[in-house]
N, C-alpha and C. Protein backbone atom coordinates (compact mmCIF):
# COMPACT_ATOMS: atom_id res chain seq x y z
N UNK A 1 -2.99 -88.73 135.66
CA UNK A 1 -4.73 -88.39 136.29
C UNK A 1 -5.20 -88.49 137.80
N UNK A 2 -6.17 -88.27 138.21
CA UNK A 2 -6.56 -87.60 139.47
C UNK A 2 -7.43 -89.13 139.63
N UNK A 3 -8.08 -90.07 140.68
CA UNK A 3 -8.73 -90.84 141.05
C UNK A 3 -10.26 -90.25 139.90
N UNK A 4 -11.16 -91.16 139.92
CA UNK A 4 -12.61 -90.84 139.38
C UNK A 4 -13.48 -89.74 140.06
N UNK A 5 -13.20 -89.86 141.13
CA UNK A 5 -14.23 -89.02 141.54
C UNK A 5 -14.01 -87.95 141.86
N UNK A 6 -12.46 -87.51 141.10
CA UNK A 6 -12.53 -85.93 140.57
C UNK A 6 -12.42 -85.85 139.58
N UNK A 7 -12.58 -86.08 139.04
CA UNK A 7 -12.60 -86.21 137.34
C UNK A 7 -14.39 -85.31 136.52
N UNK A 8 -13.78 -84.27 135.81
CA UNK A 8 -14.82 -83.20 135.45
C UNK A 8 -15.82 -84.04 134.60
N UNK A 9 -17.03 -84.02 134.76
CA UNK A 9 -18.24 -84.72 134.07
C UNK A 9 -18.12 -84.41 132.78
N UNK A 10 -17.66 -85.64 131.98
CA UNK A 10 -17.98 -85.10 130.69
C UNK A 10 -18.89 -86.41 129.74
N UNK A 11 -19.94 -85.76 129.52
CA UNK A 11 -20.33 -86.70 128.04
C UNK A 11 -19.68 -87.29 127.00
N UNK A 12 -18.75 -86.56 126.43
CA UNK A 12 -18.13 -86.75 125.37
C UNK A 12 -17.38 -88.21 125.48
N UNK A 13 -17.31 -88.19 126.75
CA UNK A 13 -15.98 -89.77 127.11
C UNK A 13 -17.54 -90.94 126.96
N UNK A 14 -18.64 -90.87 127.41
CA UNK A 14 -18.88 -92.27 125.95
C UNK A 14 -19.12 -92.02 124.75
N UNK A 15 -18.99 -91.10 124.11
CA UNK A 15 -18.58 -91.16 123.06
C UNK A 15 -17.87 -92.60 122.00
N UNK A 16 -18.61 -93.13 121.09
CA UNK A 16 -17.71 -94.09 119.75
C UNK A 16 -16.33 -93.79 119.80
N UNK A 17 -15.99 -92.29 118.90
CA UNK A 17 -14.91 -91.73 118.66
C UNK A 17 -14.38 -92.02 119.63
N UNK A 18 -14.70 -91.14 121.21
CA UNK A 18 -13.89 -91.20 122.09
C UNK A 18 -12.82 -92.28 122.60
N UNK A 19 -14.02 -92.95 123.06
CA UNK A 19 -13.56 -94.36 123.74
C UNK A 19 -12.48 -95.07 122.05
N UNK A 20 -13.12 -95.47 121.45
CA UNK A 20 -12.08 -96.06 119.94
C UNK A 20 -10.28 -94.97 120.01
N UNK A 21 -10.74 -93.92 120.31
CA UNK A 21 -9.07 -93.30 120.23
C UNK A 21 -8.75 -93.89 121.31
N UNK A 22 -9.67 -93.22 122.03
CA UNK A 22 -8.22 -93.81 123.97
C UNK A 22 -8.07 -94.89 124.36
N UNK A 23 -8.76 -96.16 123.27
CA UNK A 23 -8.57 -97.69 123.51
C UNK A 23 -7.02 -97.52 122.95
N UNK A 24 -7.23 -96.75 121.62
CA UNK A 24 -5.62 -96.61 120.65
C UNK A 24 -5.32 -96.22 121.23
N UNK A 25 -4.65 -95.06 121.96
CA UNK A 25 -3.91 -94.38 122.74
C UNK A 25 -3.58 -95.18 124.21
N UNK A 26 -4.17 -95.66 124.37
CA UNK A 26 -4.18 -96.89 125.35
C UNK A 26 -3.23 -97.95 125.12
N UNK A 27 -3.55 -98.61 124.14
CA UNK A 27 -2.86 -99.84 123.69
C UNK A 27 -1.12 -99.30 123.26
N UNK A 28 -0.92 -98.26 122.64
CA UNK A 28 0.46 -97.36 122.77
C UNK A 28 1.05 -97.60 123.82
N UNK A 29 2.65 -96.89 123.84
CA UNK A 29 3.67 -96.26 124.07
C UNK A 29 3.04 -95.09 124.99
N UNK A 30 2.16 -94.36 124.40
CA UNK A 30 1.79 -92.72 125.04
C UNK A 30 1.55 -93.18 126.35
N UNK A 31 2.12 -92.20 127.13
CA UNK A 31 1.22 -92.54 128.74
C UNK A 31 0.73 -91.20 128.99
N UNK A 32 -0.60 -90.77 129.75
CA UNK A 32 -1.18 -89.75 129.92
C UNK A 32 -0.87 -88.73 130.23
N UNK A 33 0.60 -88.48 130.77
CA UNK A 33 0.86 -87.49 131.77
C UNK A 33 1.88 -86.85 130.20
N UNK A 34 2.08 -87.79 129.09
CA UNK A 34 2.88 -87.36 127.97
C UNK A 34 1.84 -86.15 126.94
N UNK A 35 0.18 -87.11 127.12
CA UNK A 35 -1.00 -86.37 126.62
C UNK A 35 -0.91 -84.79 127.58
N UNK A 36 -1.36 -84.85 128.50
CA UNK A 36 -1.42 -83.35 129.26
C UNK A 36 -0.30 -82.66 128.74
N UNK A 37 1.03 -83.08 128.57
CA UNK A 37 2.08 -82.55 128.39
C UNK A 37 1.49 -81.68 127.02
N UNK A 38 1.27 -82.46 125.98
CA UNK A 38 1.19 -81.53 124.92
C UNK A 38 -0.52 -80.90 124.70
N UNK A 39 -0.63 -80.89 125.57
CA UNK A 39 -2.04 -79.98 125.93
C UNK A 39 -1.91 -78.20 125.74
N UNK A 40 0.01 -78.27 126.33
CA UNK A 40 0.85 -77.25 127.09
C UNK A 40 1.54 -76.68 125.61
N UNK A 41 1.69 -77.74 124.64
CA UNK A 41 2.19 -77.28 122.89
C UNK A 41 0.97 -76.92 121.91
N UNK A 42 0.19 -77.19 121.92
CA UNK A 42 -1.09 -76.76 120.94
C UNK A 42 -1.21 -75.34 121.92
N UNK A 43 -1.35 -75.07 123.44
CA UNK A 43 -1.94 -74.21 124.17
C UNK A 43 -0.75 -72.82 123.00
N UNK A 44 0.75 -73.27 123.42
CA UNK A 44 1.34 -72.27 123.27
C UNK A 44 1.20 -71.78 121.57
N UNK A 45 1.17 -72.65 120.72
CA UNK A 45 0.64 -72.75 119.26
C UNK A 45 -0.37 -71.74 119.12
N UNK A 46 -1.58 -72.08 119.78
CA UNK A 46 -2.50 -71.14 119.51
C UNK A 46 -2.43 -70.21 120.09
N UNK A 47 -1.22 -69.12 121.16
CA UNK A 47 -1.18 -68.45 121.55
C UNK A 47 -0.60 -67.41 120.72
N UNK A 48 0.59 -68.15 120.20
CA UNK A 48 1.32 -67.58 119.36
C UNK A 48 0.32 -66.78 118.17
N UNK A 49 -0.47 -67.81 117.45
CA UNK A 49 -1.15 -67.30 116.50
C UNK A 49 -2.14 -66.43 116.93
N UNK A 50 -2.30 -66.28 117.64
CA UNK A 50 -3.56 -64.89 118.43
C UNK A 50 -2.91 -64.01 117.96
N UNK A 51 -1.48 -64.07 119.14
CA UNK A 51 -0.50 -62.49 118.76
C UNK A 51 -0.38 -62.33 117.74
N UNK A 52 0.66 -63.68 117.39
CA UNK A 52 1.08 -62.76 116.00
C UNK A 52 0.81 -62.78 114.62
N UNK A 53 -0.16 -63.50 114.63
CA UNK A 53 -1.65 -63.77 112.96
C UNK A 53 -2.70 -64.06 112.99
N UNK A 54 -2.51 -62.68 113.74
CA UNK A 54 -4.81 -63.04 114.23
C UNK A 54 -5.15 -62.48 112.41
N UNK A 55 -5.11 -63.28 111.98
CA UNK A 55 -5.86 -63.14 110.87
C UNK A 55 -6.54 -64.41 110.59
N UNK A 56 -7.53 -64.72 108.88
CA UNK A 56 -8.61 -64.83 109.31
C UNK A 56 -8.02 -66.57 109.53
N UNK A 57 -7.09 -67.14 108.41
CA UNK A 57 -6.71 -68.08 108.57
C UNK A 57 -6.09 -68.62 110.52
N UNK A 58 -5.17 -67.57 110.57
CA UNK A 58 -4.62 -67.19 112.17
C UNK A 58 -5.74 -67.69 112.89
N UNK A 59 -6.48 -67.36 112.81
CA UNK A 59 -7.82 -67.13 114.37
C UNK A 59 -8.29 -68.75 114.14
N UNK A 60 -8.51 -69.26 112.28
CA UNK A 60 -9.27 -70.40 112.46
C UNK A 60 -8.75 -71.15 113.28
N UNK A 61 -7.29 -71.13 112.78
CA UNK A 61 -6.41 -72.27 113.46
C UNK A 61 -6.09 -72.21 114.61
N UNK A 62 -5.55 -70.65 115.41
CA UNK A 62 -5.79 -70.62 116.67
C UNK A 62 -7.29 -71.52 117.38
N UNK A 63 -8.30 -71.14 116.56
CA UNK A 63 -9.75 -72.31 117.41
C UNK A 63 -9.72 -73.75 116.95
N UNK A 64 -8.81 -74.12 116.42
CA UNK A 64 -8.42 -75.81 116.20
C UNK A 64 -7.54 -76.28 117.37
N UNK A 65 -6.37 -74.75 117.30
CA UNK A 65 -5.80 -75.07 118.60
C UNK A 65 -6.39 -75.75 120.12
N UNK A 66 -7.45 -74.54 120.00
CA UNK A 66 -8.33 -74.58 121.27
C UNK A 66 -8.89 -76.12 121.97
N UNK A 67 -8.88 -76.46 120.59
CA UNK A 67 -9.89 -78.19 120.20
C UNK A 67 -9.22 -79.06 120.34
N UNK A 68 -7.70 -78.58 119.99
CA UNK A 68 -6.85 -79.89 120.34
C UNK A 68 -6.49 -80.31 121.64
N UNK A 69 -6.62 -79.13 122.28
CA UNK A 69 -6.32 -78.66 123.48
C UNK A 69 -7.13 -79.62 124.74
N UNK A 70 -8.07 -79.43 124.15
CA UNK A 70 -9.64 -79.80 124.68
C UNK A 70 -9.41 -81.11 125.08
N UNK A 71 -8.82 -81.81 123.92
CA UNK A 71 -8.67 -83.07 123.30
C UNK A 71 -7.54 -83.84 123.86
N UNK A 72 -6.72 -83.07 124.37
CA UNK A 72 -5.65 -83.88 125.15
C UNK A 72 -6.56 -83.45 126.64
N UNK A 73 -7.06 -82.90 126.71
CA UNK A 73 -7.42 -83.26 127.86
C UNK A 73 -8.08 -84.38 128.61
N UNK A 74 -9.54 -84.57 127.71
CA UNK A 74 -10.05 -85.36 127.31
C UNK A 74 -9.89 -86.71 127.58
N UNK A 75 -8.09 -87.26 126.17
CA UNK A 75 -7.77 -88.38 126.43
C UNK A 75 -6.49 -89.01 127.68
N UNK A 76 -6.17 -87.50 128.32
CA UNK A 76 -5.14 -88.14 129.22
C UNK A 76 -5.78 -88.68 130.28
N UNK A 77 -7.67 -88.27 131.01
CA UNK A 77 -8.01 -89.02 131.55
C UNK A 77 -8.43 -90.48 131.14
N UNK A 78 -8.94 -90.25 130.05
CA UNK A 78 -9.68 -91.76 129.58
C UNK A 78 -8.52 -93.06 129.83
N UNK A 79 -7.52 -92.54 129.19
CA UNK A 79 -5.58 -93.66 128.82
C UNK A 79 -5.76 -93.37 130.50
N UNK A 80 -5.41 -92.86 131.15
CA UNK A 80 -5.50 -92.96 132.74
C UNK A 80 -6.25 -93.95 133.49
N UNK A 81 -7.47 -93.48 133.20
CA UNK A 81 -8.68 -94.37 133.59
C UNK A 81 -8.94 -95.57 133.48
N UNK A 82 -9.48 -95.45 132.20
CA UNK A 82 -10.20 -96.53 131.71
C UNK A 82 -9.63 -97.72 130.97
N UNK A 83 -7.45 -97.10 130.27
CA UNK A 83 -6.78 -97.27 130.28
C UNK A 83 -5.70 -98.22 130.65
N UNK A 84 -5.66 -98.12 132.65
CA UNK A 84 -5.32 -98.67 132.96
C UNK A 84 -4.10 -97.82 133.32
N UNK A 85 -3.80 -96.79 132.99
CA UNK A 85 -2.30 -96.22 132.88
C UNK A 85 -2.40 -95.12 133.99
N UNK A 86 -2.80 -95.29 135.31
CA UNK A 86 -2.32 -94.25 135.97
C UNK A 86 -1.12 -94.13 136.93
N UNK A 87 -0.61 -92.78 136.90
CA UNK A 87 0.37 -92.82 137.62
C UNK A 87 0.60 -92.43 138.95
N UNK A 88 1.59 -92.08 139.74
CA UNK A 88 1.64 -92.09 141.17
C UNK A 88 1.68 -90.39 141.31
N UNK A 89 2.08 -89.84 140.12
CA UNK A 89 2.06 -88.00 139.87
C UNK A 89 0.91 -87.49 139.33
N UNK A 90 -0.16 -88.60 138.37
CA UNK A 90 -0.94 -88.27 137.09
C UNK A 90 -1.52 -86.79 137.49
N UNK A 91 -1.53 -86.97 138.96
CA UNK A 91 -2.57 -85.54 139.86
C UNK A 91 -2.42 -84.07 138.94
N UNK A 92 -0.83 -84.00 139.37
CA UNK A 92 -0.16 -82.70 138.70
C UNK A 92 -0.24 -82.79 137.77
N UNK A 93 0.06 -83.89 136.45
CA UNK A 93 0.19 -83.75 134.66
C UNK A 93 -1.74 -83.39 134.71
N UNK A 94 -2.83 -83.85 135.36
CA UNK A 94 -3.74 -83.34 135.20
C UNK A 94 -4.43 -81.56 135.46
N UNK A 95 -3.79 -81.37 136.55
CA UNK A 95 -4.03 -80.22 136.71
C UNK A 95 -2.79 -78.61 136.22
N UNK A 96 -1.66 -79.25 136.40
CA UNK A 96 -0.25 -77.95 136.08
C UNK A 96 -0.56 -77.57 134.91
N UNK A 97 -0.80 -78.85 133.43
CA UNK A 97 -0.94 -78.63 132.07
C UNK A 97 -2.14 -77.20 131.81
N UNK A 98 -3.16 -77.99 133.01
CA UNK A 98 -4.84 -77.39 132.35
C UNK A 98 -4.45 -75.40 132.09
N UNK A 99 -3.41 -75.16 133.84
CA UNK A 99 -3.22 -74.00 134.36
C UNK A 99 -2.76 -73.04 133.23
N UNK A 100 -1.86 -73.95 132.64
CA UNK A 100 -1.00 -73.54 132.48
C UNK A 100 -1.06 -72.61 130.79
N UNK A 101 -2.02 -73.62 129.92
CA UNK A 101 -2.61 -73.64 129.21
C UNK A 101 -3.68 -72.86 129.16
N UNK A 102 -4.76 -72.49 130.11
CA UNK A 102 -5.40 -71.68 130.20
C UNK A 102 -4.71 -69.93 130.15
N UNK A 103 -4.27 -70.44 131.28
CA UNK A 103 -2.91 -68.41 130.97
C UNK A 103 -2.58 -68.20 129.71
N UNK A 104 -2.07 -69.12 129.26
CA UNK A 104 -1.39 -68.99 127.29
C UNK A 104 -2.88 -68.12 126.55
N UNK A 105 -3.81 -68.83 126.35
CA UNK A 105 -4.90 -68.66 125.46
C UNK A 105 -5.66 -67.49 126.11
N UNK A 106 -5.62 -67.35 127.23
CA UNK A 106 -6.62 -66.03 127.73
C UNK A 106 -5.26 -64.60 127.30
N UNK A 107 -4.34 -65.32 128.65
CA UNK A 107 -3.32 -64.27 127.92
C UNK A 107 -3.34 -62.74 126.53
N UNK A 108 -2.89 -64.09 125.80
CA UNK A 108 -3.01 -64.25 124.45
C UNK A 108 -3.67 -63.70 124.07
N UNK A 109 -4.90 -63.41 124.11
CA UNK A 109 -6.70 -62.77 124.07
C UNK A 109 -6.38 -61.00 123.83
N UNK A 110 -5.82 -61.26 125.43
CA UNK A 110 -5.79 -59.86 125.60
C UNK A 110 -5.01 -59.32 125.17
N UNK A 111 -3.83 -59.39 124.63
CA UNK A 111 -2.62 -58.81 123.63
C UNK A 111 -3.38 -58.95 122.40
N UNK A 112 -4.18 -59.69 122.11
CA UNK A 112 -4.97 -59.66 120.01
C UNK A 112 -5.78 -58.27 120.50
N UNK A 113 -6.63 -58.31 121.30
CA UNK A 113 -7.36 -57.17 121.08
C UNK A 113 -6.92 -55.59 122.03
N UNK A 114 -5.44 -55.98 121.94
CA UNK A 114 -4.74 -54.68 122.55
C UNK A 114 -4.54 -54.67 123.79
N UNK A 115 -5.70 -55.08 124.74
CA UNK A 115 -5.97 -55.03 125.87
C UNK A 115 -5.34 -55.70 126.94
N UNK A 116 -4.25 -55.68 127.42
CA UNK A 116 -3.74 -56.90 127.91
C UNK A 116 -3.86 -56.69 129.54
N UNK A 117 -4.50 -56.17 129.72
CA UNK A 117 -4.46 -55.90 130.98
C UNK A 117 -5.95 -57.13 131.75
N UNK A 118 -6.58 -57.14 130.52
CA UNK A 118 -8.21 -57.96 130.32
C UNK A 118 -7.95 -59.46 130.18
N UNK A 119 -6.57 -59.23 129.29
CA UNK A 119 -6.26 -61.36 128.89
C UNK A 119 -5.66 -61.45 130.94
N UNK A 120 -4.47 -60.98 131.09
CA UNK A 120 -4.08 -61.12 132.27
C UNK A 120 -5.31 -61.17 133.38
N UNK A 121 -6.39 -60.08 133.25
CA UNK A 121 -7.68 -60.53 134.24
C UNK A 121 -8.01 -61.80 134.28
N UNK A 122 -8.86 -61.87 133.27
CA UNK A 122 -8.95 -63.21 133.16
C UNK A 122 -8.14 -64.38 133.17
N UNK A 123 -7.12 -64.70 132.75
CA UNK A 123 -6.35 -65.43 133.08
C UNK A 123 -6.46 -65.88 134.83
N UNK A 124 -6.00 -64.79 135.09
CA UNK A 124 -5.64 -65.28 136.92
C UNK A 124 -7.38 -65.58 137.33
N UNK A 125 -8.73 -65.40 137.12
CA UNK A 125 -10.12 -65.29 137.28
C UNK A 125 -10.31 -66.75 137.03
N UNK A 126 -9.76 -67.67 135.80
CA UNK A 126 -10.20 -68.59 135.27
C UNK A 126 -9.08 -69.71 136.81
N UNK A 127 -8.12 -69.33 136.94
CA UNK A 127 -7.17 -69.98 137.64
C UNK A 127 -7.60 -69.80 138.79
N UNK A 128 -8.33 -69.17 139.68
CA UNK A 128 -8.83 -69.20 140.37
C UNK A 128 -9.94 -69.92 140.73
N UNK A 129 -10.77 -69.60 139.63
CA UNK A 129 -11.97 -71.17 139.26
C UNK A 129 -11.52 -72.08 140.07
N UNK A 130 -10.57 -72.96 139.54
CA UNK A 130 -9.37 -74.02 139.76
C UNK A 130 -9.21 -74.11 141.03
N UNK A 131 -8.52 -72.98 141.77
CA UNK A 131 -8.04 -73.03 143.19
C UNK A 131 -9.30 -73.04 144.05
N UNK A 132 -10.34 -72.45 143.67
CA UNK A 132 -11.41 -72.46 144.30
C UNK A 132 -12.11 -73.80 144.51
N UNK A 133 -11.99 -74.76 143.40
CA UNK A 133 -12.45 -76.22 143.45
C UNK A 133 -11.52 -77.05 144.31
N UNK A 134 -10.38 -76.72 143.70
CA UNK A 134 -9.77 -77.12 145.12
C UNK A 134 -9.58 -77.55 146.73
N UNK A 135 -9.90 -76.29 146.46
CA UNK A 135 -10.30 -75.95 148.14
C UNK A 135 -11.39 -76.40 148.94
N UNK A 136 -11.87 -76.80 147.94
CA UNK A 136 -13.38 -77.74 148.18
C UNK A 136 -12.99 -78.94 148.50
N UNK A 137 -12.40 -79.72 147.32
CA UNK A 137 -11.85 -81.11 147.33
C UNK A 137 -11.00 -80.88 148.63
N UNK A 138 -10.36 -79.97 149.26
CA UNK A 138 -9.33 -80.37 150.05
C UNK A 138 -9.79 -80.41 151.29
N UNK A 139 -10.88 -79.64 151.79
CA UNK A 139 -11.93 -79.94 152.45
C UNK A 139 -12.95 -81.17 152.93
N UNK A 140 -13.01 -81.68 152.08
CA UNK A 140 -13.51 -82.63 151.59
C UNK A 140 -14.69 -82.83 151.16
N UNK A 141 -15.25 -82.45 150.28
CA UNK A 141 -16.83 -82.05 149.89
C UNK A 141 -15.85 -82.87 147.82
N UNK A 142 -16.69 -82.88 147.44
CA UNK A 142 -16.57 -83.54 145.79
C UNK A 142 -15.99 -82.10 145.27
N UNK A 143 -15.45 -82.19 144.29
CA UNK A 143 -15.09 -80.65 143.68
C UNK A 143 -15.96 -80.57 142.75
N UNK A 144 -16.20 -79.33 143.17
CA UNK A 144 -17.41 -78.76 141.97
C UNK A 144 -17.20 -77.85 140.71
N UNK A 145 -17.37 -78.49 139.61
CA UNK A 145 -16.97 -77.95 138.14
C UNK A 145 -18.21 -77.16 137.95
N UNK A 146 -18.95 -76.76 138.48
CA UNK A 146 -19.75 -75.78 137.90
C UNK A 146 -19.77 -74.62 137.51
N UNK A 147 -20.44 -73.81 136.55
CA UNK A 147 -19.92 -72.62 136.01
C UNK A 147 -20.54 -71.36 136.44
N UNK A 148 -20.60 -70.81 135.64
CA UNK A 148 -21.26 -70.26 133.83
C UNK A 148 -20.27 -70.79 133.61
N UNK A 149 -18.75 -70.21 133.64
CA UNK A 149 -17.66 -70.47 133.34
C UNK A 149 -16.34 -71.17 133.19
N UNK A 150 -16.79 -72.66 133.55
CA UNK A 150 -15.80 -73.70 133.73
C UNK A 150 -15.15 -74.08 132.87
N UNK A 151 -14.02 -74.63 133.04
CA UNK A 151 -12.83 -74.92 131.41
C UNK A 151 -13.46 -74.56 130.54
N UNK A 152 -14.88 -75.55 130.25
CA UNK A 152 -15.55 -76.17 129.12
C UNK A 152 -15.31 -75.34 128.50
N UNK A 153 -16.53 -74.50 129.02
CA UNK A 153 -17.18 -73.08 128.52
C UNK A 153 -15.86 -72.06 128.53
N UNK A 154 -14.80 -71.85 129.06
CA UNK A 154 -14.23 -70.79 128.29
C UNK A 154 -13.42 -71.15 127.23
N UNK A 155 -13.02 -71.98 127.29
CA UNK A 155 -12.61 -72.33 126.08
C UNK A 155 -13.52 -72.40 124.21
N UNK A 156 -14.64 -73.24 125.53
CA UNK A 156 -16.10 -72.73 124.35
C UNK A 156 -16.41 -71.52 123.32
N UNK A 157 -16.27 -70.46 124.43
CA UNK A 157 -16.13 -68.82 124.20
C UNK A 157 -15.20 -68.53 123.46
N UNK A 158 -13.77 -69.05 123.64
CA UNK A 158 -12.16 -68.76 122.80
C UNK A 158 -12.55 -68.83 121.65
N UNK A 159 -13.60 -70.39 121.58
CA UNK A 159 -13.03 -71.11 120.20
C UNK A 159 -14.62 -70.01 119.36
N UNK A 160 -15.29 -70.29 120.16
CA UNK A 160 -16.54 -69.14 119.13
C UNK A 160 -16.21 -68.11 118.70
N UNK A 161 -15.55 -66.99 119.68
CA UNK A 161 -14.84 -65.55 119.56
C UNK A 161 -13.59 -66.13 118.01
N UNK A 162 -13.02 -67.09 118.20
CA UNK A 162 -11.86 -66.91 117.00
C UNK A 162 -12.67 -67.23 115.72
N UNK A 163 -13.49 -68.16 115.83
CA UNK A 163 -14.17 -68.45 114.26
C UNK A 163 -14.76 -67.20 114.24
N UNK A 164 -15.96 -66.77 115.23
CA UNK A 164 -16.42 -65.33 114.70
C UNK A 164 -15.37 -64.05 114.46
N UNK A 165 -14.65 -64.13 115.26
CA UNK A 165 -13.68 -62.99 115.04
C UNK A 165 -12.99 -63.08 113.23
N UNK A 166 -12.27 -64.58 112.75
CA UNK A 166 -11.75 -64.68 111.91
C UNK A 166 -12.75 -63.73 110.60
N UNK A 167 -14.03 -64.18 110.67
CA UNK A 167 -15.16 -63.53 110.05
C UNK A 167 -15.26 -62.01 109.61
N UNK A 168 -15.15 -61.36 111.26
CA UNK A 168 -15.47 -60.44 111.29
C UNK A 168 -14.06 -59.80 111.06
N UNK A 169 -13.43 -60.50 110.38
CA UNK A 169 -11.71 -59.36 110.45
C UNK A 169 -12.00 -59.21 109.11
N UNK A 170 -12.58 -60.73 108.34
CA UNK A 170 -12.41 -60.92 107.24
C UNK A 170 -13.29 -59.92 106.03
N UNK A 171 -14.19 -59.50 106.74
CA UNK A 171 -15.22 -58.33 106.08
C UNK A 171 -15.20 -57.28 106.81
N UNK A 172 -14.74 -57.14 107.83
CA UNK A 172 -15.30 -55.87 108.82
C UNK A 172 -13.51 -55.09 108.64
N UNK A 173 -12.61 -56.00 109.21
CA UNK A 173 -11.52 -55.79 109.96
C UNK A 173 -11.03 -55.45 111.31
N UNK A 174 -12.29 -55.48 111.94
CA UNK A 174 -12.49 -55.65 113.50
C UNK A 174 -12.19 -56.66 114.76
N UNK A 175 -12.61 -56.37 115.59
CA UNK A 175 -12.00 -57.55 116.46
C UNK A 175 -13.19 -57.40 117.72
N UNK A 176 -14.49 -56.90 117.79
CA UNK A 176 -15.33 -56.75 118.65
C UNK A 176 -15.43 -58.53 119.17
N UNK A 177 -15.50 -59.53 118.26
CA UNK A 177 -15.67 -60.94 118.40
C UNK A 177 -15.31 -61.33 119.46
N UNK A 178 -13.57 -60.89 119.18
CA UNK A 178 -12.37 -61.47 120.69
C UNK A 178 -12.66 -60.25 121.86
N UNK A 179 -13.30 -59.21 121.53
CA UNK A 179 -13.15 -58.28 122.50
C UNK A 179 -14.38 -59.16 123.65
N UNK A 180 -15.45 -59.56 123.09
CA UNK A 180 -16.62 -60.12 123.42
C UNK A 180 -16.13 -61.19 123.76
N UNK A 181 -15.21 -62.03 123.87
CA UNK A 181 -14.83 -63.42 124.45
C UNK A 181 -14.19 -63.34 125.52
N UNK A 182 -13.36 -62.04 125.37
CA UNK A 182 -12.37 -62.13 126.21
C UNK A 182 -13.21 -61.10 127.68
N UNK A 183 -14.06 -60.77 127.23
CA UNK A 183 -14.84 -59.68 129.19
C UNK A 183 -15.47 -61.20 129.16
N UNK A 184 -16.24 -61.64 128.54
CA UNK A 184 -17.29 -63.32 128.83
C UNK A 184 -16.13 -64.37 129.18
N UNK A 185 -15.10 -64.33 129.59
CA UNK A 185 -14.26 -65.35 130.22
C UNK A 185 -14.16 -64.33 131.16
N UNK A 186 -14.00 -63.63 131.41
CA UNK A 186 -13.37 -62.69 132.62
C UNK A 186 -14.76 -63.01 133.79
N UNK A 187 -15.04 -62.31 133.26
CA UNK A 187 -16.98 -62.00 134.24
C UNK A 187 -17.31 -63.33 134.60
N UNK A 188 -17.52 -63.89 132.93
CA UNK A 188 -17.93 -65.16 133.81
C UNK A 188 -17.15 -66.10 134.65
N UNK A 189 -16.12 -65.70 135.23
CA UNK A 189 -14.87 -66.81 135.54
C UNK A 189 -15.00 -66.18 137.21
N UNK A 190 -14.92 -64.55 137.14
CA UNK A 190 -15.74 -64.09 138.48
C UNK A 190 -16.70 -64.62 139.01
N UNK A 191 -18.17 -65.39 137.88
CA UNK A 191 -19.15 -65.33 138.77
C UNK A 191 -19.24 -66.68 139.33
N UNK A 192 -18.47 -67.65 138.14
CA UNK A 192 -17.83 -69.51 138.97
C UNK A 192 -17.05 -69.44 140.30
N UNK A 193 -16.55 -68.24 140.42
CA UNK A 193 -15.41 -68.09 141.36
C UNK A 193 -16.69 -68.02 142.77
N UNK A 194 -18.09 -67.06 142.56
CA UNK A 194 -18.10 -66.82 143.65
C UNK A 194 -19.59 -68.13 143.45
N UNK A 195 -20.04 -68.22 142.62
CA UNK A 195 -20.75 -70.13 142.83
C UNK A 195 -20.39 -71.11 143.70
N UNK A 196 -18.88 -71.22 142.85
CA UNK A 196 -18.10 -72.42 144.23
C UNK A 196 -17.86 -71.87 145.30
N UNK A 197 -17.80 -70.64 145.64
CA UNK A 197 -17.63 -70.23 147.20
C UNK A 197 -18.60 -70.63 147.64
N UNK A 198 -19.85 -70.15 147.56
CA UNK A 198 -21.25 -69.60 148.16
C UNK A 198 -21.38 -71.76 147.98
N UNK A 199 -21.49 -72.92 147.42
CA UNK A 199 -21.61 -73.74 147.34
C UNK A 199 -20.84 -74.42 148.58
N UNK A 200 -19.86 -74.01 148.51
CA UNK A 200 -18.36 -74.97 149.76
C UNK A 200 -19.18 -74.45 150.93
N UNK A 201 -19.51 -72.67 151.12
CA UNK A 201 -20.02 -72.29 152.43
C UNK A 201 -21.19 -72.86 152.86
N UNK A 202 -22.29 -72.97 151.76
CA UNK A 202 -23.33 -73.96 152.23
C UNK A 202 -22.60 -75.23 152.92
N UNK A 203 -22.04 -76.39 152.40
CA UNK A 203 -21.70 -77.43 152.74
C UNK A 203 -20.92 -76.96 153.74
N UNK A 204 -20.32 -76.08 153.91
CA UNK A 204 -19.58 -76.01 155.07
C UNK A 204 -20.56 -75.56 156.39
N UNK A 205 -21.15 -74.98 156.42
CA UNK A 205 -22.50 -74.93 157.22
C UNK A 205 -23.45 -75.84 157.82
N UNK A 206 -23.36 -76.41 156.81
CA UNK A 206 -24.78 -78.18 156.61
C UNK A 206 -23.65 -78.60 157.21
N UNK A 207 -22.32 -79.01 157.65
CA UNK A 207 -21.63 -80.02 158.33
C UNK A 207 -21.59 -79.91 159.28
N UNK A 208 -21.36 -78.24 160.09
CA UNK A 208 -21.44 -77.38 161.16
C UNK A 208 -22.80 -77.85 162.00
């Protein structure tokens, strides 16, 4: 996990349940990097459910996998920072599993709605949002986690899409909610790249 100044601001870190779980994990032999890797496992499971079992139950379980992935993203940082278990390679484990998990979920979503190109486009744009953020950090600025479609927002849209899609599929047999989620993620990610790039440009002009 990276230094605290590069952490995504999350209000959930201050909740009692999150602190209790993180404290328990910190006292165990589990490392933050292991928690980061487990997030990929949940992403693989969720992606498989989306592609191979997009039934009512499958979509609900996929939504659960999305949230478990986010829980891993929350607790790896808390165990590393608050639990005092930072490692020299923590920054790598903080970023790479996120990019892999994002791509797995979003690409799978595209195949589920039989529009693979939209899934790949969404995954590419999601990765680009992180690239723009990291570029700002490399230029010496505070990393910019703004949306409108940052990682938590993407996963919220995907979770909602799966849950609504489960109901829609059960009653209507259609997948409009999943299509809407894929479009929102792709378009929102593109807008996020623009907003973050504009913010970096403004900082560079001010600095110059």
